[in-house]
Amino acid sequence: MTTEGIMNLLEARGAVISGTHFVYTSGKHGPAYVNLPDALKDSETGWQIACEMAELVFCVEFDTIAGPTHVGDKIAYDLGLALLLNKGRNVGRFYAQESAEEGTRSFPRQTGSVAGMRVLVVDDVLTTGGTIDETIEAVRKDGGTPVAVAVVCNRSEFRGEFKGFPLLELMYVPFEAWKPEQCQACVERVPVYTEVGHGKDFLKEYGEDPAGWPANRK
């Protein structure tokens, strides 16, 4: 399936929203948002994405897949099943959850360990890479070896590799993004979208009045 085909699939499930004002995890603002958790609620869509990812990563040598909660873990589990059923390849499936220390992740004891394994790190959307960084570090701390990164949607400046690791993507969608103090949507006083993304946090910090937003302060 082409990038256009995957985008059409996500748009049909209402997972691509455009023409408004979003605040991303990175803190930057932009006019569009890929909301994969909504798409993955639909079993058929989730399975189609997993099958496409199985084709994408089949050439990579790895023993197990690891994804961060609360979306990457679902991709990891679906991808593992797609590799088994479609490719006859049996790999482990793990999830890295948030630790008590902010900005870190770990593998729950009840799920086992990735020690000694070659690990493919997966996630839904790559923007700044913070969540993937945390997962890679969790793999290393647990004694595993990260070998590559695979994402459904790449919105970042990374192409071909992510900090030394091969980077595989189903689609590359470089949405425009602005720093808060340079946000064109803020200048035009477009209401901040709060249903997805971090719009609520932004409004809590800067208020509902656009005059108080960083881009509009003199």
N, C-alpha and C. Protein backbone atom coordinates (compact mmCIF):
# COMPACT_ATOMS: atom_id res chain seq x y z
N MET A 1 0.84 -1.19 0.00
CA MET A 1 0.00 0.00 0.00
C MET A 1 0.88 1.25 0.00
N THR A 2 0.56 2.23 -0.83
CA THR A 2 1.34 3.45 -0.91
C THR A 2 1.05 4.37 0.27
N THR A 3 1.88 5.41 0.41
CA THR A 3 1.63 6.42 1.45
C THR A 3 0.25 7.01 1.28
N GLU A 4 -0.13 7.28 0.04
CA GLU A 4 -1.46 7.85 -0.22
C GLU A 4 -2.55 6.88 0.21
N GLY A 5 -2.33 5.59 -0.05
CA GLY A 5 -3.32 4.59 0.34
C GLY A 5 -3.49 4.50 1.84
N ILE A 6 -2.37 4.54 2.57
CA ILE A 6 -2.44 4.50 4.04
C ILE A 6 -3.10 5.76 4.57
N MET A 7 -2.76 6.92 3.97
CA MET A 7 -3.38 8.17 4.39
C MET A 7 -4.88 8.13 4.15
N ASN A 8 -5.30 7.60 3.02
CA ASN A 8 -6.73 7.48 2.72
C ASN A 8 -7.42 6.57 3.73
N LEU A 9 -6.73 5.49 4.10
CA LEU A 9 -7.27 4.57 5.09
C LEU A 9 -7.49 5.27 6.43
N LEU A 10 -6.48 6.05 6.86
CA LEU A 10 -6.57 6.76 8.13
C LEU A 10 -7.62 7.87 8.07
N GLU A 11 -7.69 8.57 6.95
CA GLU A 11 -8.69 9.63 6.81
C GLU A 11 -10.10 9.06 6.87
N ALA A 12 -10.29 7.86 6.30
CA ALA A 12 -11.60 7.22 6.32
C ALA A 12 -12.03 6.87 7.74
N ARG A 13 -11.05 6.68 8.61
CA ARG A 13 -11.34 6.36 10.01
C ARG A 13 -11.32 7.61 10.90
N GLY A 14 -11.19 8.78 10.28
CA GLY A 14 -11.18 10.03 11.04
C GLY A 14 -9.92 10.24 11.83
N ALA A 15 -8.82 9.60 11.41
CA ALA A 15 -7.57 9.67 12.17
C ALA A 15 -6.64 10.77 11.68
N VAL A 16 -7.02 11.48 10.62
CA VAL A 16 -6.24 12.61 10.14
C VAL A 16 -7.14 13.85 10.21
N ILE A 17 -6.72 14.81 11.00
CA ILE A 17 -7.52 16.03 11.20
C ILE A 17 -6.68 17.21 10.71
N SER A 18 -7.28 18.07 9.91
CA SER A 18 -6.53 19.20 9.38
C SER A 18 -7.40 20.46 9.38
N GLY A 19 -6.73 21.59 9.11
CA GLY A 19 -7.45 22.85 8.99
C GLY A 19 -7.80 23.50 10.30
N THR A 20 -7.09 23.14 11.37
CA THR A 20 -7.35 23.78 12.66
C THR A 20 -6.01 24.07 13.35
N HIS A 21 -5.96 24.06 14.67
CA HIS A 21 -4.81 24.56 15.42
C HIS A 21 -4.48 23.57 16.54
N PHE A 22 -3.38 22.84 16.36
CA PHE A 22 -3.00 21.80 17.30
C PHE A 22 -1.73 22.17 18.07
N VAL A 23 -1.61 21.61 19.26
CA VAL A 23 -0.37 21.68 20.03
C VAL A 23 0.16 20.26 20.14
N TYR A 24 1.38 20.03 19.61
CA TYR A 24 1.95 18.70 19.56
C TYR A 24 2.69 18.38 20.86
N THR A 25 3.07 17.12 21.00
CA THR A 25 3.82 16.67 22.17
C THR A 25 5.11 17.47 22.33
N SER A 26 5.72 17.85 21.23
CA SER A 26 6.97 18.61 21.26
C SER A 26 6.80 20.03 21.79
N GLY A 27 5.54 20.49 21.88
CA GLY A 27 5.28 21.87 22.28
C GLY A 27 5.07 22.79 21.10
N LYS A 28 5.43 22.32 19.90
CA LYS A 28 5.20 23.12 18.71
C LYS A 28 3.73 23.08 18.31
N HIS A 29 3.35 24.04 17.47
CA HIS A 29 1.97 24.13 17.00
C HIS A 29 1.91 23.81 15.51
N GLY A 30 0.75 23.38 15.04
CA GLY A 30 0.60 23.10 13.62
C GLY A 30 -0.86 22.96 13.22
N PRO A 31 -1.10 22.84 11.91
CA PRO A 31 -2.47 22.84 11.39
C PRO A 31 -3.08 21.46 11.18
N ALA A 32 -2.34 20.38 11.46
CA ALA A 32 -2.87 19.05 11.19
C ALA A 32 -2.37 18.06 12.24
N TYR A 33 -3.07 16.93 12.35
CA TYR A 33 -2.76 15.96 13.40
C TYR A 33 -3.10 14.55 12.90
N VAL A 34 -2.20 13.61 13.12
CA VAL A 34 -2.47 12.21 12.83
C VAL A 34 -2.79 11.53 14.16
N ASN A 35 -4.03 11.10 14.32
CA ASN A 35 -4.50 10.54 15.58
C ASN A 35 -4.66 9.03 15.44
N LEU A 36 -3.53 8.32 15.44
CA LEU A 36 -3.56 6.88 15.20
C LEU A 36 -4.31 6.08 16.26
N PRO A 37 -4.31 6.48 17.53
CA PRO A 37 -5.08 5.69 18.50
C PRO A 37 -6.53 5.50 18.10
N ASP A 38 -7.13 6.51 17.48
CA ASP A 38 -8.52 6.38 17.03
C ASP A 38 -8.63 5.34 15.92
N ALA A 39 -7.67 5.36 14.99
CA ALA A 39 -7.70 4.40 13.88
C ALA A 39 -7.52 2.97 14.38
N LEU A 40 -6.65 2.80 15.39
CA LEU A 40 -6.33 1.46 15.88
C LEU A 40 -7.45 0.85 16.71
N LYS A 41 -8.45 1.65 17.07
CA LYS A 41 -9.62 1.10 17.75
C LYS A 41 -10.41 0.18 16.83
N ASP A 42 -10.25 0.41 15.52
CA ASP A 42 -10.93 -0.41 14.52
C ASP A 42 -10.05 -1.61 14.19
N SER A 43 -10.52 -2.81 14.42
CA SER A 43 -9.70 -4.01 14.25
C SER A 43 -9.19 -4.16 12.83
N GLU A 44 -10.04 -3.90 11.85
CA GLU A 44 -9.63 -4.06 10.45
C GLU A 44 -8.51 -3.10 10.09
N THR A 45 -8.65 -1.85 10.52
CA THR A 45 -7.61 -0.86 10.23
C THR A 45 -6.30 -1.23 10.92
N GLY A 46 -6.39 -1.61 12.20
CA GLY A 46 -5.19 -2.01 12.93
C GLY A 46 -4.48 -3.17 12.27
N TRP A 47 -5.27 -4.13 11.78
CA TRP A 47 -4.68 -5.30 11.14
C TRP A 47 -4.04 -4.93 9.80
N GLN A 48 -4.68 -4.07 9.03
CA GLN A 48 -4.10 -3.64 7.76
C GLN A 48 -2.76 -2.94 7.97
N ILE A 49 -2.71 -2.09 8.98
CA ILE A 49 -1.46 -1.39 9.29
C ILE A 49 -0.39 -2.39 9.72
N ALA A 50 -0.77 -3.36 10.55
CA ALA A 50 0.19 -4.36 11.02
C ALA A 50 0.74 -5.17 9.86
N CYS A 51 -0.11 -5.53 8.91
CA CYS A 51 0.33 -6.32 7.76
C CYS A 51 1.29 -5.52 6.89
N GLU A 52 1.01 -4.23 6.71
CA GLU A 52 1.90 -3.37 5.94
C GLU A 52 3.26 -3.23 6.64
N MET A 53 3.22 -3.11 7.97
CA MET A 53 4.47 -3.00 8.72
C MET A 53 5.27 -4.30 8.67
N ALA A 54 4.58 -5.44 8.64
CA ALA A 54 5.27 -6.73 8.54
C ALA A 54 6.09 -6.79 7.25
N GLU A 55 5.53 -6.28 6.16
CA GLU A 55 6.26 -6.23 4.90
C GLU A 55 7.46 -5.29 5.02
N LEU A 56 7.24 -4.19 5.73
CA LEU A 56 8.27 -3.16 5.86
C LEU A 56 9.49 -3.65 6.62
N VAL A 57 9.27 -4.40 7.70
CA VAL A 57 10.37 -4.76 8.61
C VAL A 57 10.91 -6.16 8.40
N PHE A 58 10.34 -6.91 7.47
CA PHE A 58 10.69 -8.32 7.33
C PHE A 58 12.18 -8.52 7.05
N CYS A 59 12.82 -7.55 6.39
CA CYS A 59 14.24 -7.68 6.04
C CYS A 59 15.17 -7.41 7.21
N VAL A 60 14.64 -6.91 8.33
CA VAL A 60 15.45 -6.58 9.50
C VAL A 60 15.61 -7.82 10.37
N GLU A 61 16.82 -8.05 10.86
CA GLU A 61 17.08 -9.19 11.75
C GLU A 61 16.82 -8.77 13.20
N PHE A 62 15.80 -9.33 13.81
CA PHE A 62 15.50 -9.04 15.22
C PHE A 62 14.79 -10.23 15.84
N ASP A 63 14.85 -10.30 17.18
CA ASP A 63 14.26 -11.41 17.92
C ASP A 63 12.93 -11.03 18.55
N THR A 64 12.77 -9.74 18.83
CA THR A 64 11.56 -9.30 19.52
C THR A 64 11.24 -7.85 19.14
N ILE A 65 10.02 -7.45 19.43
CA ILE A 65 9.55 -6.11 19.16
C ILE A 65 9.21 -5.44 20.48
N ALA A 66 9.54 -4.16 20.60
CA ALA A 66 9.19 -3.41 21.81
C ALA A 66 8.55 -2.09 21.42
N GLY A 67 7.43 -1.77 22.04
CA GLY A 67 6.76 -0.51 21.79
C GLY A 67 6.40 0.18 23.09
N PRO A 68 6.41 1.50 23.12
CA PRO A 68 6.05 2.23 24.33
C PRO A 68 4.54 2.27 24.53
N THR A 69 4.11 2.20 25.77
CA THR A 69 2.70 2.44 26.05
C THR A 69 2.39 3.90 25.71
N HIS A 70 1.22 4.26 25.20
CA HIS A 70 0.03 3.44 25.20
C HIS A 70 -0.47 3.16 23.79
N VAL A 71 0.35 3.40 22.79
CA VAL A 71 0.00 3.09 21.40
C VAL A 71 1.03 2.17 20.77
N GLY A 72 2.30 2.48 20.96
CA GLY A 72 3.36 1.65 20.39
C GLY A 72 3.27 0.20 20.83
N ASP A 73 2.79 -0.03 22.05
CA ASP A 73 2.65 -1.40 22.54
C ASP A 73 1.62 -2.17 21.72
N LYS A 74 0.54 -1.51 21.34
CA LYS A 74 -0.49 -2.17 20.54
C LYS A 74 0.03 -2.49 19.14
N ILE A 75 0.83 -1.58 18.60
CA ILE A 75 1.44 -1.83 17.29
C ILE A 75 2.40 -3.02 17.38
N ALA A 76 3.16 -3.09 18.46
CA ALA A 76 4.10 -4.19 18.65
C ALA A 76 3.37 -5.54 18.67
N TYR A 77 2.26 -5.61 19.38
CA TYR A 77 1.53 -6.87 19.49
C TYR A 77 0.88 -7.26 18.16
N ASP A 78 0.28 -6.30 17.47
CA ASP A 78 -0.34 -6.59 16.17
C ASP A 78 0.71 -6.97 15.13
N LEU A 79 1.84 -6.28 15.16
CA LEU A 79 2.92 -6.57 14.21
C LEU A 79 3.47 -7.97 14.42
N GLY A 80 3.65 -8.35 15.68
CA GLY A 80 4.14 -9.70 15.97
C GLY A 80 3.21 -10.76 15.42
N LEU A 81 1.91 -10.52 15.56
CA LEU A 81 0.93 -11.49 15.05
C LEU A 81 0.95 -11.52 13.52
N ALA A 82 1.07 -10.36 12.89
CA ALA A 82 1.11 -10.29 11.43
C ALA A 82 2.35 -11.00 10.89
N LEU A 83 3.48 -10.87 11.57
CA LEU A 83 4.70 -11.55 11.14
C LEU A 83 4.54 -13.07 11.24
N LEU A 84 3.85 -13.53 12.26
CA LEU A 84 3.66 -14.96 12.44
C LEU A 84 2.70 -15.52 11.39
N LEU A 85 1.56 -14.87 11.22
CA LEU A 85 0.53 -15.39 10.32
C LEU A 85 0.87 -15.18 8.85
N ASN A 86 1.49 -14.06 8.53
CA ASN A 86 1.76 -13.75 7.12
C ASN A 86 3.13 -14.19 6.64
N LYS A 87 4.09 -14.25 7.57
CA LYS A 87 5.47 -14.53 7.19
C LYS A 87 6.05 -15.78 7.84
N GLY A 88 5.30 -16.38 8.76
CA GLY A 88 5.80 -17.56 9.45
C GLY A 88 6.96 -17.26 10.37
N ARG A 89 7.05 -16.04 10.83
CA ARG A 89 8.18 -15.61 11.66
C ARG A 89 7.69 -15.35 13.08
N ASN A 90 8.25 -16.05 14.03
CA ASN A 90 7.82 -15.95 15.43
C ASN A 90 8.79 -15.07 16.21
N VAL A 91 8.30 -13.93 16.71
CA VAL A 91 9.14 -13.01 17.49
C VAL A 91 8.42 -12.66 18.79
N GLY A 92 9.19 -12.18 19.75
CA GLY A 92 8.62 -11.75 21.01
C GLY A 92 7.96 -10.39 20.89
N ARG A 93 7.10 -10.07 21.87
CA ARG A 93 6.40 -8.78 21.87
C ARG A 93 6.42 -8.22 23.29
N PHE A 94 6.98 -7.03 23.44
CA PHE A 94 7.13 -6.41 24.75
C PHE A 94 6.63 -4.97 24.72
N TYR A 95 6.34 -4.46 25.91
CA TYR A 95 5.99 -3.04 25.99
C TYR A 95 6.81 -2.36 27.08
N ALA A 96 7.17 -1.11 26.80
CA ALA A 96 7.95 -0.32 27.76
C ALA A 96 7.02 0.73 28.36
N GLN A 97 6.79 0.64 29.65
CA GLN A 97 5.87 1.57 30.30
C GLN A 97 6.63 2.66 31.05
N GLU A 98 5.92 3.75 31.33
CA GLU A 98 6.53 4.87 32.04
C GLU A 98 6.99 4.43 33.42
N SER A 99 8.18 4.90 33.81
CA SER A 99 8.71 4.62 35.14
C SER A 99 8.37 5.76 36.09
N ALA A 100 8.66 5.56 37.35
CA ALA A 100 8.40 6.60 38.34
C ALA A 100 9.24 7.84 38.05
N GLU A 101 10.44 7.62 37.52
CA GLU A 101 11.30 8.75 37.16
C GLU A 101 10.86 9.30 35.81
N GLU A 102 10.54 10.57 35.78
CA GLU A 102 10.03 11.20 34.57
C GLU A 102 11.03 11.06 33.42
N GLY A 103 10.50 10.76 32.24
CA GLY A 103 11.34 10.65 31.06
C GLY A 103 12.04 9.32 30.90
N THR A 104 11.65 8.33 31.69
CA THR A 104 12.26 7.00 31.59
C THR A 104 11.17 5.94 31.46
N ARG A 105 11.56 4.80 30.92
CA ARG A 105 10.64 3.67 30.76
C ARG A 105 11.34 2.39 31.19
N SER A 106 10.53 1.36 31.43
CA SER A 106 11.08 0.06 31.80
C SER A 106 10.12 -1.03 31.39
N PHE A 107 10.60 -2.27 31.42
CA PHE A 107 9.77 -3.42 31.07
C PHE A 107 9.25 -4.06 32.36
N PRO A 108 7.92 -4.18 32.51
CA PRO A 108 7.37 -4.79 33.72
C PRO A 108 7.93 -6.20 33.93
N ARG A 109 8.18 -6.55 35.17
CA ARG A 109 8.78 -7.86 35.46
C ARG A 109 7.92 -9.00 34.96
N GLN A 110 6.59 -8.83 35.03
CA GLN A 110 5.71 -9.93 34.65
C GLN A 110 5.74 -10.23 33.15
N THR A 111 6.28 -9.32 32.35
CA THR A 111 6.33 -9.56 30.91
C THR A 111 7.63 -10.23 30.49
N GLY A 112 8.59 -10.35 31.39
CA GLY A 112 9.87 -10.94 31.06
C GLY A 112 10.89 -9.89 30.69
N SER A 113 12.03 -10.35 30.17
CA SER A 113 13.15 -9.47 29.89
C SER A 113 13.58 -9.59 28.42
N VAL A 114 14.12 -8.49 27.89
CA VAL A 114 14.65 -8.51 26.52
C VAL A 114 16.17 -8.73 26.52
N ALA A 115 16.72 -9.08 27.66
CA ALA A 115 18.16 -9.28 27.78
C ALA A 115 18.67 -10.29 26.75
N GLY A 116 19.73 -9.92 26.06
CA GLY A 116 20.33 -10.80 25.07
C GLY A 116 19.61 -10.83 23.73
N MET A 117 18.54 -10.04 23.59
CA MET A 117 17.76 -10.06 22.35
C MET A 117 18.06 -8.86 21.46
N ARG A 118 17.89 -9.07 20.16
CA ARG A 118 17.93 -7.98 19.20
C ARG A 118 16.52 -7.43 19.08
N VAL A 119 16.37 -6.13 19.32
CA VAL A 119 15.03 -5.55 19.50
C VAL A 119 14.71 -4.52 18.42
N LEU A 120 13.54 -4.69 17.80
CA LEU A 120 12.99 -3.70 16.90
C LEU A 120 12.08 -2.80 17.73
N VAL A 121 12.36 -1.51 17.75
CA VAL A 121 11.55 -0.54 18.50
C VAL A 121 10.51 0.06 17.56
N VAL A 122 9.24 0.03 17.96
CA VAL A 122 8.17 0.53 17.11
C VAL A 122 7.34 1.57 17.84
N ASP A 123 6.71 2.45 17.07
CA ASP A 123 5.78 3.43 17.63
C ASP A 123 4.82 3.88 16.53
N ASP A 124 3.82 4.67 16.92
CA ASP A 124 2.84 5.10 15.92
C ASP A 124 3.35 6.29 15.11
N VAL A 125 3.67 7.40 15.79
CA VAL A 125 4.09 8.62 15.10
C VAL A 125 5.44 9.08 15.65
N LEU A 126 6.36 9.40 14.75
CA LEU A 126 7.65 9.96 15.14
C LEU A 126 7.63 11.46 14.86
N THR A 127 7.76 12.25 15.93
CA THR A 127 7.81 13.71 15.78
C THR A 127 9.16 14.21 16.28
N THR A 128 9.33 14.25 17.59
CA THR A 128 10.63 14.65 18.15
C THR A 128 11.48 13.44 18.50
N GLY A 129 10.84 12.30 18.73
CA GLY A 129 11.57 11.07 19.04
C GLY A 129 11.78 10.82 20.52
N GLY A 130 11.18 11.64 21.38
CA GLY A 130 11.40 11.48 22.81
C GLY A 130 10.95 10.13 23.34
N THR A 131 9.77 9.68 22.94
CA THR A 131 9.24 8.40 23.41
C THR A 131 10.07 7.24 22.90
N ILE A 132 10.51 7.35 21.65
CA ILE A 132 11.35 6.29 21.09
C ILE A 132 12.70 6.26 21.80
N ASP A 133 13.26 7.43 22.09
CA ASP A 133 14.51 7.50 22.87
C ASP A 133 14.37 6.75 24.19
N GLU A 134 13.27 6.99 24.88
CA GLU A 134 13.04 6.36 26.17
C GLU A 134 12.95 4.84 26.03
N THR A 135 12.32 4.38 24.96
CA THR A 135 12.17 2.94 24.74
C THR A 135 13.51 2.31 24.40
N ILE A 136 14.29 2.97 23.58
CA ILE A 136 15.63 2.47 23.25
C ILE A 136 16.48 2.35 24.52
N GLU A 137 16.41 3.36 25.36
CA GLU A 137 17.18 3.33 26.61
C GLU A 137 16.70 2.22 27.52
N ALA A 138 15.38 1.96 27.55
CA ALA A 138 14.83 0.88 28.36
C ALA A 138 15.35 -0.47 27.87
N VAL A 139 15.43 -0.63 26.55
CA VAL A 139 15.97 -1.87 25.98
C VAL A 139 17.41 -2.07 26.42
N ARG A 140 18.20 -1.02 26.34
CA ARG A 140 19.61 -1.12 26.72
C ARG A 140 19.76 -1.45 28.20
N LYS A 141 18.99 -0.78 29.05
CA LYS A 141 19.09 -1.01 30.49
C LYS A 141 18.70 -2.44 30.85
N ASP A 142 17.82 -3.02 30.05
CA ASP A 142 17.35 -4.38 30.32
C ASP A 142 18.29 -5.44 29.73
N GLY A 143 19.33 -4.98 29.02
CA GLY A 143 20.30 -5.92 28.48
C GLY A 143 20.05 -6.33 27.04
N GLY A 144 19.08 -5.66 26.38
CA GLY A 144 18.81 -5.95 24.98
C GLY A 144 19.62 -5.06 24.06
N THR A 145 19.56 -5.35 22.77
CA THR A 145 20.28 -4.57 21.76
C THR A 145 19.29 -3.99 20.75
N PRO A 146 19.05 -2.68 20.77
CA PRO A 146 18.17 -2.08 19.75
C PRO A 146 18.85 -2.20 18.38
N VAL A 147 18.08 -2.59 17.37
CA VAL A 147 18.69 -2.76 16.05
C VAL A 147 18.06 -1.85 14.99
N ALA A 148 16.84 -1.40 15.21
CA ALA A 148 16.17 -0.54 14.22
C ALA A 148 14.93 0.06 14.85
N VAL A 149 14.40 1.09 14.17
CA VAL A 149 13.17 1.76 14.60
C VAL A 149 12.19 1.73 13.43
N ALA A 150 10.93 1.41 13.72
CA ALA A 150 9.89 1.41 12.68
C ALA A 150 8.66 2.15 13.20
N VAL A 151 8.12 3.03 12.38
CA VAL A 151 6.94 3.81 12.78
C VAL A 151 5.90 3.78 11.66
N VAL A 152 4.67 4.02 12.04
CA VAL A 152 3.61 4.12 11.04
C VAL A 152 3.74 5.43 10.28
N CYS A 153 3.88 6.52 11.03
CA CYS A 153 3.94 7.85 10.41
C CYS A 153 5.15 8.61 10.90
N ASN A 154 5.96 9.08 9.99
CA ASN A 154 7.13 9.90 10.32
C ASN A 154 6.82 11.36 10.02
N ARG A 155 6.76 12.17 11.08
CA ARG A 155 6.52 13.60 10.93
C ARG A 155 7.76 14.41 11.27
N SER A 156 8.87 13.72 11.45
CA SER A 156 10.07 14.35 11.98
C SER A 156 11.03 14.79 10.88
N GLU A 157 12.17 15.31 11.31
CA GLU A 157 13.24 15.66 10.39
C GLU A 157 14.18 14.48 10.14
N PHE A 158 13.96 13.38 10.87
CA PHE A 158 14.79 12.19 10.68
C PHE A 158 14.36 11.45 9.41
N ARG A 159 15.32 11.12 8.57
CA ARG A 159 15.03 10.33 7.38
C ARG A 159 16.10 9.26 7.21
N GLY A 160 15.64 8.02 7.07
CA GLY A 160 16.58 6.93 6.83
C GLY A 160 17.21 6.35 8.07
N GLU A 161 17.44 7.19 9.07
CA GLU A 161 17.98 6.69 10.33
C GLU A 161 17.54 7.58 11.48
N PHE A 162 17.48 6.97 12.66
CA PHE A 162 17.14 7.70 13.87
C PHE A 162 18.28 7.52 14.85
N LYS A 163 19.12 8.55 14.97
CA LYS A 163 20.22 8.56 15.92
C LYS A 163 21.09 7.30 15.82
N GLY A 164 21.42 6.96 14.58
CA GLY A 164 22.31 5.83 14.34
C GLY A 164 21.61 4.52 14.04
N PHE A 165 20.30 4.46 14.22
CA PHE A 165 19.54 3.24 13.95
C PHE A 165 18.78 3.38 12.63
N PRO A 166 18.71 2.31 11.85
CA PRO A 166 17.89 2.36 10.63
C PRO A 166 16.45 2.74 10.99
N LEU A 167 15.87 3.64 10.22
CA LEU A 167 14.50 4.11 10.45
C LEU A 167 13.62 3.70 9.28
N LEU A 168 12.57 2.93 9.59
CA LEU A 168 11.62 2.50 8.58
C LEU A 168 10.27 3.14 8.88
N GLU A 169 9.58 3.57 7.84
CA GLU A 169 8.31 4.27 8.02
C GLU A 169 7.31 3.82 6.97
N LEU A 170 6.04 3.74 7.36
CA LEU A 170 5.01 3.44 6.38
C LEU A 170 4.67 4.68 5.56
N MET A 171 4.71 5.83 6.19
CA MET A 171 4.45 7.07 5.45
C MET A 171 5.19 8.23 6.09
N TYR A 172 5.58 9.16 5.22
CA TYR A 172 6.28 10.37 5.67
C TYR A 172 5.36 11.55 5.41
N VAL A 173 4.95 12.22 6.50
CA VAL A 173 4.00 13.32 6.41
C VAL A 173 4.56 14.52 7.18
N PRO A 174 5.38 15.36 6.53
CA PRO A 174 6.01 16.48 7.23
C PRO A 174 5.07 17.68 7.39
N PHE A 175 4.10 17.54 8.32
CA PHE A 175 3.22 18.67 8.59
C PHE A 175 4.03 19.88 9.04
N GLU A 176 3.57 21.05 8.63
CA GLU A 176 4.21 22.28 9.07
C GLU A 176 4.04 22.44 10.58
N ALA A 177 5.09 22.92 11.25
CA ALA A 177 5.02 23.11 12.70
C ALA A 177 5.77 24.38 13.08
N TRP A 178 5.22 25.09 14.06
CA TRP A 178 5.84 26.35 14.49
C TRP A 178 6.14 26.30 15.98
N LYS A 179 7.19 27.02 16.38
CA LYS A 179 7.42 27.23 17.79
C LYS A 179 6.27 28.10 18.32
N PRO A 180 5.92 27.97 19.60
CA PRO A 180 4.78 28.73 20.14
C PRO A 180 4.87 30.23 19.89
N GLU A 181 6.08 30.78 19.98
CA GLU A 181 6.23 32.22 19.81
C GLU A 181 6.20 32.65 18.34
N GLN A 182 6.17 31.66 17.44
CA GLN A 182 6.13 31.96 16.01
C GLN A 182 4.90 31.36 15.33
N CYS A 183 3.95 30.90 16.10
CA CYS A 183 2.80 30.18 15.56
C CYS A 183 1.87 31.08 14.76
N GLN A 184 1.70 30.76 13.49
CA GLN A 184 0.85 31.55 12.62
C GLN A 184 -0.62 31.42 13.03
N ALA A 185 -1.02 30.23 13.47
CA ALA A 185 -2.40 30.04 13.90
C ALA A 185 -2.72 30.87 15.14
N CYS A 186 -1.73 31.02 16.03
CA CYS A 186 -1.93 31.88 17.21
C CYS A 186 -2.10 33.34 16.78
N VAL A 187 -1.27 33.78 15.84
CA VAL A 187 -1.35 35.15 15.35
C VAL A 187 -2.72 35.40 14.73
N GLU A 188 -3.24 34.41 14.01
CA GLU A 188 -4.55 34.54 13.37
C GLU A 188 -5.69 34.22 14.32
N ARG A 189 -5.34 33.92 15.57
CA ARG A 189 -6.30 33.68 16.65
C ARG A 189 -7.25 32.52 16.35
N VAL A 190 -6.70 31.49 15.70
CA VAL A 190 -7.46 30.27 15.46
C VAL A 190 -7.60 29.52 16.79
N PRO A 191 -8.82 29.14 17.18
CA PRO A 191 -8.99 28.43 18.45
C PRO A 191 -8.13 27.17 18.54
N VAL A 192 -7.60 26.93 19.71
CA VAL A 192 -6.76 25.75 19.93
C VAL A 192 -7.63 24.51 20.07
N TYR A 193 -7.28 23.47 19.32
CA TYR A 193 -8.02 22.20 19.37
C TYR A 193 -7.62 21.45 20.64
N THR A 194 -8.60 20.96 21.38
CA THR A 194 -8.30 20.35 22.67
C THR A 194 -8.69 18.88 22.77
N GLU A 195 -9.32 18.32 21.74
CA GLU A 195 -9.76 16.93 21.82
C GLU A 195 -8.60 15.94 21.71
N VAL A 196 -7.57 16.31 20.94
CA VAL A 196 -6.36 15.50 20.85
C VAL A 196 -5.16 16.42 20.97
N GLY A 197 -3.99 15.85 21.21
CA GLY A 197 -2.81 16.69 21.36
C GLY A 197 -2.75 17.30 22.74
N HIS A 198 -2.00 18.42 22.86
CA HIS A 198 -1.75 19.04 24.15
C HIS A 198 -2.33 20.45 24.23
N GLY A 199 -3.44 20.65 23.52
CA GLY A 199 -4.09 21.95 23.53
C GLY A 199 -4.59 22.36 24.91
N LYS A 200 -5.12 21.41 25.66
CA LYS A 200 -5.63 21.72 27.00
C LYS A 200 -4.51 22.23 27.90
N ASP A 201 -3.34 21.59 27.81
CA ASP A 201 -2.21 22.02 28.63
C ASP A 201 -1.77 23.43 28.25
N PHE A 202 -1.76 23.71 26.94
CA PHE A 202 -1.37 25.03 26.47
C PHE A 202 -2.32 26.10 27.00
N LEU A 203 -3.62 25.85 26.91
CA LEU A 203 -4.60 26.83 27.38
C LEU A 203 -4.56 26.98 28.90
N LYS A 204 -4.25 25.91 29.59
CA LYS A 204 -4.13 25.99 31.04
C LYS A 204 -2.98 26.91 31.43
N GLU A 205 -1.89 26.85 30.64
CA GLU A 205 -0.72 27.66 30.95
C GLU A 205 -0.88 29.11 30.50
N TYR A 206 -1.46 29.32 29.32
CA TYR A 206 -1.48 30.66 28.74
C TYR A 206 -2.87 31.30 28.69
N GLY A 207 -3.91 30.54 29.00
CA GLY A 207 -5.25 31.12 29.04
C GLY A 207 -5.98 31.05 27.70
N GLU A 208 -7.26 31.31 27.75
CA GLU A 208 -8.12 31.22 26.57
C GLU A 208 -7.98 32.43 25.65
N ASP A 209 -7.56 33.55 26.19
CA ASP A 209 -7.46 34.78 25.41
C ASP A 209 -6.21 34.74 24.53
N PRO A 210 -6.37 34.80 23.19
CA PRO A 210 -5.21 34.75 22.29
C PRO A 210 -4.18 35.86 22.54
N ALA A 211 -4.62 36.94 23.16
CA ALA A 211 -3.69 38.04 23.43
C ALA A 211 -2.57 37.59 24.38
N GLY A 212 -2.82 36.57 25.17
CA GLY A 212 -1.84 36.09 26.13
C GLY A 212 -0.95 34.97 25.61
N TRP A 213 -1.21 34.53 24.38
CA TRP A 213 -0.41 33.45 23.81
C TRP A 213 0.97 33.99 23.39
N PRO A 214 2.04 33.17 23.48
CA PRO A 214 3.40 33.66 23.22
C PRO A 214 3.58 34.40 21.90
N ALA A 215 2.93 33.94 20.84
CA ALA A 215 3.12 34.58 19.53
C ALA A 215 2.52 35.98 19.48
N ASN A 216 1.62 36.30 20.41
CA ASN A 216 0.93 37.58 20.37
C ASN A 216 1.39 38.56 21.44
N ARG A 217 2.39 38.15 22.21
CA ARG A 217 2.91 39.04 23.24
C ARG A 217 3.90 40.01 22.66
N LYS A 218 3.79 41.26 23.00
CA LYS A 218 4.69 42.27 22.47
C LYS A 218 5.81 42.57 23.46
